[in-house]
Amino acid sequence: AIDAVLDINPAKQGRFLACSGLRVCTPEEAAGRLNSLDNLFVMNSNYRDEIIARSRDRYTYHTVEHEQLR
């Protein structure tokens, strides 16, 4: 199950994803809901290093490339 969807873009925060209806949270909101070593799926590998640094390498990271989704 997906517990949280987060984005640093304020224009996306508070909105909902199509189909799933999941609300897009701020990184701070999501951090309060996630436990250490929870799975974190990075949808754009260009941001992987930044995400790991900002979250202090607290989670288990998985990069999802578009080719993997097909």
Protein backbone atom coordinates (compact mmCIF):
# COMPACT_ATOMS: atom_id res chain seq x y z
CA ALA A 1 0.00 0.00 0.00
CA ILE A 2 1.14 3.53 -0.68
CA ASP A 3 1.11 5.56 2.52
CA ALA A 4 2.06 8.98 1.22
CA VAL A 5 2.80 10.92 -1.95
CA LEU A 6 5.03 13.93 -1.55
CA ASP A 7 6.34 16.71 -3.72
CA ILE A 8 8.44 19.78 -2.96
CA ASN A 9 6.51 21.79 -5.56
CA PRO A 10 3.98 23.95 -3.67
CA ALA A 11 1.71 23.99 -6.74
CA LYS A 12 1.20 20.21 -6.39
CA GLN A 13 0.84 20.06 -2.60
CA GLY A 14 -2.71 19.66 -1.30
CA ARG A 15 -3.92 18.35 -4.65
CA PHE A 16 -4.94 14.78 -5.36
CA LEU A 17 -3.59 12.19 -7.81
CA ALA A 18 -5.88 10.97 -10.54
CA CYS A 19 -7.23 7.41 -10.17
CA SER A 20 -5.77 6.79 -6.70
CA GLY A 21 -7.18 9.87 -5.02
CA LEU A 22 -4.05 10.16 -2.88
CA ARG A 23 -3.34 13.65 -1.56
CA VAL A 24 0.06 15.16 -2.37
CA CYS A 25 1.79 16.08 0.91
CA THR A 26 4.71 18.31 1.74
CA PRO A 27 7.93 16.46 2.61
CA GLU A 28 7.41 17.51 6.23
CA GLU A 29 3.90 16.03 6.34
CA ALA A 30 5.09 12.77 4.83
CA ALA A 31 8.09 12.52 7.18
CA GLY A 32 5.70 12.57 10.13
CA ARG A 33 3.87 9.54 8.71
CA LEU A 34 6.82 7.43 7.61
CA ASN A 35 9.04 5.24 9.73
CA SER A 36 12.76 4.76 9.38
CA LEU A 37 13.58 2.24 6.62
CA ASP A 38 10.11 2.53 5.03
CA ASN A 39 10.18 2.19 1.25
CA LEU A 40 10.42 5.44 -0.65
CA PHE A 41 9.87 5.33 -4.42
CA VAL A 42 11.64 8.07 -6.36
CA MET A 43 9.79 8.70 -9.59
CA ASN A 44 12.48 10.89 -11.16
CA SER A 45 16.03 9.62 -10.75
CA ASN A 46 17.39 13.12 -11.36
CA TYR A 47 16.26 13.98 -7.82
CA ARG A 48 17.39 10.78 -6.06
CA ASP A 49 20.57 12.21 -4.50
CA GLU A 50 18.75 15.35 -3.35
CA ILE A 51 15.92 13.31 -1.83
CA ILE A 52 18.35 11.04 0.02
CA ALA A 53 20.27 14.04 1.36
CA ARG A 54 17.14 15.93 2.44
CA SER A 55 15.70 12.89 4.20
CA ARG A 56 19.05 12.07 5.80
CA ASP A 57 19.21 8.59 4.21
CA ARG A 58 16.43 7.48 6.58
CA TYR A 59 14.44 5.28 4.20
CA THR A 60 14.89 2.43 1.72
CA TYR A 61 15.02 4.12 -1.69
CA HIS A 62 13.79 2.67 -4.98
CA THR A 63 14.17 4.55 -8.25
CA VAL A 64 11.30 4.01 -10.67
CA GLU A 65 12.22 4.73 -14.26
CA HIS A 66 9.57 5.12 -16.94
CA GLU A 67 10.89 2.05 -18.75
CA GLN A 68 10.19 -0.05 -15.63
CA LEU A 69 6.55 0.96 -15.70
CA ARG A 70 5.84 -0.58 -19.10
